[in-house]
Amino acid sequence: MRVLAIDTALANCAAAVLGGSAPLVSRSETIGRGHAERLMTMIGDVMAESSTAFSDLDRIVVTTGPGSFTGLRVGLSVARGFGLVLGKPVIGITTLAAIAAGLAAEAYGRPLVVALEARNGEAYVQAFNAAGQPADEPAVRQIADLAASLPDGACLAGSAARDVAVSAGLSDDRVLSDCAFADIGVVARLGQAAEPGSAPVPLYLRAPDARPQVKGRIERL
């Protein structure tokens, strides 16, 4: 099964092709913003390097968040567009699950909590059990509250992991990684193995920071 994987959920912009007789071919850049301008070029590069025609693809894989509102819209729009034109399923993978899957072997059977910075002392978080399966639902939590309720013996990963460890008084060796985004190869492999379901939707765990301007508006009667 050959898949095209896309990740624009966080500061990273990435694309990869996995499957067929070729190894993983990927492009990845930490850009912060500007995903829309870089993504299509990356997709073209990995398709060309892997000698893959769009008609060769069996499915499209895309990260669904949590992440930035703009980045998620870019990736999901592109993935849905390809899926519609090609008549192929689109598989959604959360950034939290992809980070956890990429570090499962390093957890050595211990619970793993993935925590990503969400500003204002908060983190996007999800816990995974010793078997690497989700132990709860993704949520946004205060770092101090999360630190006070970690599973016994849990390891930490993600861009907020060190802040959680400090708040919980844990040693640095409990932090497996302070990665700020998922590995696109892991995203591709998870999408390759997943069962197709309903169309992916963005995982928004809180409302956007931006608010519509109301000052100076004329009230409608």
Protein backbone atom coordinates (compact mmCIF):
# COMPACT_ATOMS: atom_id res chain seq x y z
CA MET A 1 0.00 0.00 0.00
CA ARG A 2 1.40 3.37 -1.03
CA VAL A 3 0.48 6.47 0.95
CA LEU A 4 1.12 10.18 0.79
CA ALA A 5 1.46 11.64 4.29
CA ILE A 6 1.10 15.35 5.12
CA ASP A 7 1.82 17.23 8.34
CA THR A 8 1.15 20.94 8.82
CA ALA A 9 -0.33 20.80 12.32
CA LEU A 10 2.45 22.54 14.24
CA ALA A 11 5.64 24.47 13.45
CA ASN A 12 6.79 21.75 11.06
CA CYS A 13 5.78 21.31 7.43
CA ALA A 14 6.33 17.83 6.06
CA ALA A 15 5.34 15.39 3.35
CA ALA A 16 6.29 11.78 2.71
CA VAL A 17 5.57 8.86 0.42
CA LEU A 18 5.71 5.36 1.88
CA GLY A 19 4.98 2.03 0.30
CA GLY A 20 5.62 -0.01 -2.79
CA SER A 21 9.15 -1.21 -3.42
CA ALA A 22 10.76 2.12 -2.42
CA PRO A 23 11.77 3.17 1.11
CA LEU A 24 10.25 6.18 2.82
CA VAL A 25 10.89 9.42 0.94
CA SER A 26 10.24 12.55 2.98
CA ARG A 27 10.74 16.29 3.25
CA SER A 28 10.48 18.17 6.51
CA GLU A 29 11.14 21.78 7.52
CA THR A 30 10.51 23.68 10.74
CA ILE A 31 9.02 26.89 9.37
CA GLY A 32 6.60 28.15 12.03
CA ARG A 33 4.29 29.75 9.46
CA GLY A 34 3.82 29.63 5.72
CA HIS A 35 2.69 26.01 5.39
CA ALA A 36 0.47 26.81 2.42
CA GLU A 37 3.42 28.20 0.47
CA ARG A 38 5.74 25.24 1.14
CA LEU A 39 3.51 22.18 1.25
CA MET A 40 2.75 21.68 -2.45
CA THR A 41 6.44 21.99 -3.36
CA MET A 42 7.30 19.34 -0.76
CA ILE A 43 4.60 17.03 -2.07
CA GLY A 44 5.91 17.44 -5.61
CA ASP A 45 9.45 16.67 -4.43
CA VAL A 46 8.57 13.44 -2.59
CA MET A 47 6.30 12.23 -5.39
CA ALA A 48 9.07 12.79 -7.94
CA GLU A 49 11.86 11.29 -5.83
CA SER A 50 9.81 8.18 -5.09
CA SER A 51 8.75 7.87 -8.75
CA THR A 52 5.14 7.91 -7.65
CA ALA A 53 2.25 9.09 -9.79
CA PHE A 54 -0.82 10.36 -7.98
CA SER A 55 -2.76 7.47 -9.51
CA ASP A 56 -0.36 5.09 -7.70
CA LEU A 57 -1.50 6.28 -4.26
CA ASP A 58 -3.82 4.09 -2.22
CA ARG A 59 -4.62 6.65 0.47
CA ILE A 60 -3.77 10.07 1.84
CA VAL A 61 -2.69 10.51 5.47
CA VAL A 62 -2.85 13.81 7.33
CA THR A 63 -2.27 15.02 10.88
CA THR A 64 -5.47 16.33 12.48
CA GLY A 65 -4.02 18.14 15.50
CA PRO A 66 -3.94 19.43 18.04
CA GLY A 67 -2.02 22.25 16.49
CA SER A 68 -2.38 25.66 14.93
CA PHE A 69 -5.74 26.55 13.41
CA THR A 70 -4.21 27.82 10.18
CA GLY A 71 -1.81 24.90 9.79
CA LEU A 72 -4.51 22.32 10.35
CA ARG A 73 -6.77 23.92 7.77
CA VAL A 74 -3.97 23.87 5.19
CA GLY A 75 -3.12 20.19 5.63
CA LEU A 76 -6.68 18.95 5.85
CA SER A 77 -7.80 20.98 2.84
CA VAL A 78 -4.98 19.60 0.69
CA ALA A 79 -5.55 16.02 1.88
CA ARG A 80 -9.30 16.20 1.30
CA GLY A 81 -8.73 17.69 -2.13
CA PHE A 82 -6.42 14.87 -3.18
CA GLY A 83 -8.79 12.29 -1.72
CA LEU A 84 -11.74 13.73 -3.63
CA VAL A 85 -9.94 14.01 -6.96
CA LEU A 86 -8.27 10.59 -6.71
CA GLY A 87 -11.22 8.80 -5.13
CA LYS A 88 -8.99 7.53 -2.33
CA PRO A 89 -9.58 7.38 1.43
CA VAL A 90 -8.13 10.08 3.66
CA ILE A 91 -6.82 8.93 7.05
CA GLY A 92 -6.43 11.27 10.01
CA ILE A 93 -3.71 10.78 12.63
CA THR A 94 -3.41 12.98 15.73
CA THR A 95 -0.08 14.59 16.50
CA LEU A 96 -0.23 13.18 20.04
CA ALA A 97 -0.67 9.60 18.83
CA ALA A 98 2.11 9.96 16.26
CA ILE A 99 4.58 11.30 18.83
CA ALA A 100 3.66 8.50 21.24
CA ALA A 101 4.06 5.83 18.56
CA GLY A 102 7.48 7.14 17.61
CA LEU A 103 8.73 6.86 21.20
CA ALA A 104 6.94 3.70 22.35
CA ALA A 105 10.08 1.57 22.14
CA GLU A 106 12.01 4.03 24.33
CA ALA A 107 9.33 3.90 27.04
CA TYR A 108 10.22 0.25 27.74
CA GLY A 109 6.68 -0.67 28.73
CA ARG A 110 6.07 2.37 30.94
CA PRO A 111 3.10 4.73 30.52
CA LEU A 112 3.83 7.71 28.29
CA VAL A 113 2.29 11.17 28.53
CA VAL A 114 2.63 13.44 25.50
CA ALA A 115 2.36 17.16 26.28
CA LEU A 116 2.61 19.91 23.66
CA GLU A 117 2.88 23.61 24.49
CA ALA A 118 -0.42 25.44 24.19
CA ARG A 119 0.56 28.82 25.72
CA ASN A 120 -0.80 30.44 28.89
CA GLY A 121 0.65 27.68 31.07
CA GLU A 122 -1.38 25.03 29.27
CA ALA A 123 -0.53 21.92 27.28
CA TYR A 124 -2.27 19.72 24.77
CA VAL A 125 -2.00 16.33 26.42
CA GLN A 126 -2.84 12.65 26.13
CA ALA A 127 -1.70 9.64 28.14
CA PHE A 128 -0.81 6.27 26.63
CA ASN A 129 -0.61 3.01 28.57
CA ALA A 130 2.26 0.51 28.74
CA ALA A 131 0.97 -1.15 25.56
CA GLY A 132 1.12 2.16 23.69
CA GLN A 133 -2.67 2.51 23.48
CA PRO A 134 -4.51 5.73 24.44
CA ALA A 135 -5.36 5.76 28.15
CA ASP A 136 -7.59 8.84 27.92
CA GLU A 137 -8.87 11.40 25.44
CA PRO A 138 -6.80 14.33 24.14
CA ALA A 139 -7.33 17.43 26.27
CA VAL A 140 -5.92 20.84 27.09
CA ARG A 141 -4.78 21.14 30.69
CA GLN A 142 -2.85 23.43 32.96
CA ILE A 143 0.73 22.17 33.25
CA ALA A 144 0.60 22.35 37.05
CA ASP A 145 -2.59 20.26 37.16
CA LEU A 146 -1.13 17.73 34.75
CA ALA A 147 2.07 17.44 36.81
CA ALA A 148 0.03 16.67 39.92
CA SER A 149 -1.85 13.80 38.29
CA LEU A 150 0.69 11.90 36.20
CA PRO A 151 0.36 8.10 36.06
CA ASP A 152 2.84 6.27 38.29
CA GLY A 153 6.19 5.81 36.57
CA ALA A 154 5.10 7.70 33.47
CA CYS A 155 7.58 9.01 30.93
CA LEU A 156 7.07 12.33 29.18
CA ALA A 157 7.42 13.56 25.62
CA GLY A 158 6.59 16.69 23.67
CA SER A 159 7.48 20.37 23.70
CA ALA A 160 5.95 20.87 27.18
CA ALA A 161 7.45 17.70 28.65
CA ARG A 162 10.32 19.41 30.51
CA ASP A 163 8.00 22.01 32.01
CA VAL A 164 5.75 19.21 33.26
CA ALA A 165 8.74 17.32 34.68
CA VAL A 166 9.99 20.39 36.53
CA SER A 167 6.52 21.10 37.92
CA ALA A 168 6.21 17.48 39.07
CA GLY A 169 9.72 17.38 40.55
CA LEU A 170 10.78 14.56 38.23
CA SER A 171 14.31 13.82 37.10
CA ASP A 172 15.32 14.73 33.57
CA ASP A 173 15.63 11.09 32.52
CA ARG A 174 11.83 10.78 32.65
CA VAL A 175 11.67 13.05 29.57
CA LEU A 176 12.15 10.89 26.48
CA SER A 177 11.96 13.79 24.03
CA ASP A 178 11.05 17.46 23.90
CA CYS A 179 9.93 17.11 20.27
CA ALA A 180 7.58 19.85 19.10
CA PHE A 181 5.98 17.87 16.27
CA ALA A 182 5.46 14.35 14.97
CA ASP A 183 7.88 12.45 12.75
CA ILE A 184 6.36 12.32 9.25
CA GLY A 185 7.58 8.75 8.79
CA VAL A 186 5.63 7.65 11.86
CA VAL A 187 2.56 9.50 10.59
CA ALA A 188 2.85 7.65 7.27
CA ARG A 189 3.22 4.23 8.93
CA LEU A 190 0.27 4.81 11.26
CA GLY A 191 -1.87 5.93 8.33
CA GLN A 192 -0.79 2.92 6.29
CA ALA A 193 -1.92 0.54 9.05
CA ALA A 194 -5.15 2.33 10.02
CA GLU A 195 -8.62 1.20 9.03
CA PRO A 196 -10.41 3.74 6.84
CA GLY A 197 -13.30 5.47 8.57
CA SER A 198 -15.15 8.74 8.37
CA ALA A 199 -13.47 11.79 6.86
CA PRO A 200 -10.88 13.29 9.24
CA VAL A 201 -11.75 16.50 11.05
CA PRO A 202 -9.45 18.92 12.88
CA LEU A 203 -8.85 18.19 16.56
CA TYR A 204 -9.46 21.62 18.10
CA LEU A 205 -9.09 21.39 21.86
CA ARG A 206 -9.77 25.05 22.56
CA ALA A 207 -11.19 28.11 20.85
CA PRO A 208 -8.87 30.28 18.73
CA ASP A 209 -7.07 33.15 20.41
CA ALA A 210 -8.22 35.56 17.72
CA ARG A 211 -11.67 37.08 18.11
CA PRO A 212 -13.81 38.93 15.54
CA GLN A 213 -13.52 42.70 15.84
CA VAL A 214 -16.66 44.24 17.26
CA LYS A 215 -15.58 47.83 17.92
CA GLY A 216 -17.09 50.22 15.41
CA ARG A 217 -19.50 47.66 13.95
CA ILE A 218 -22.99 48.81 13.06
CA GLU A 219 -25.58 46.77 14.88
CA ARG A 220 -28.08 45.06 12.62
CA LEU A 221 -31.74 45.44 13.47
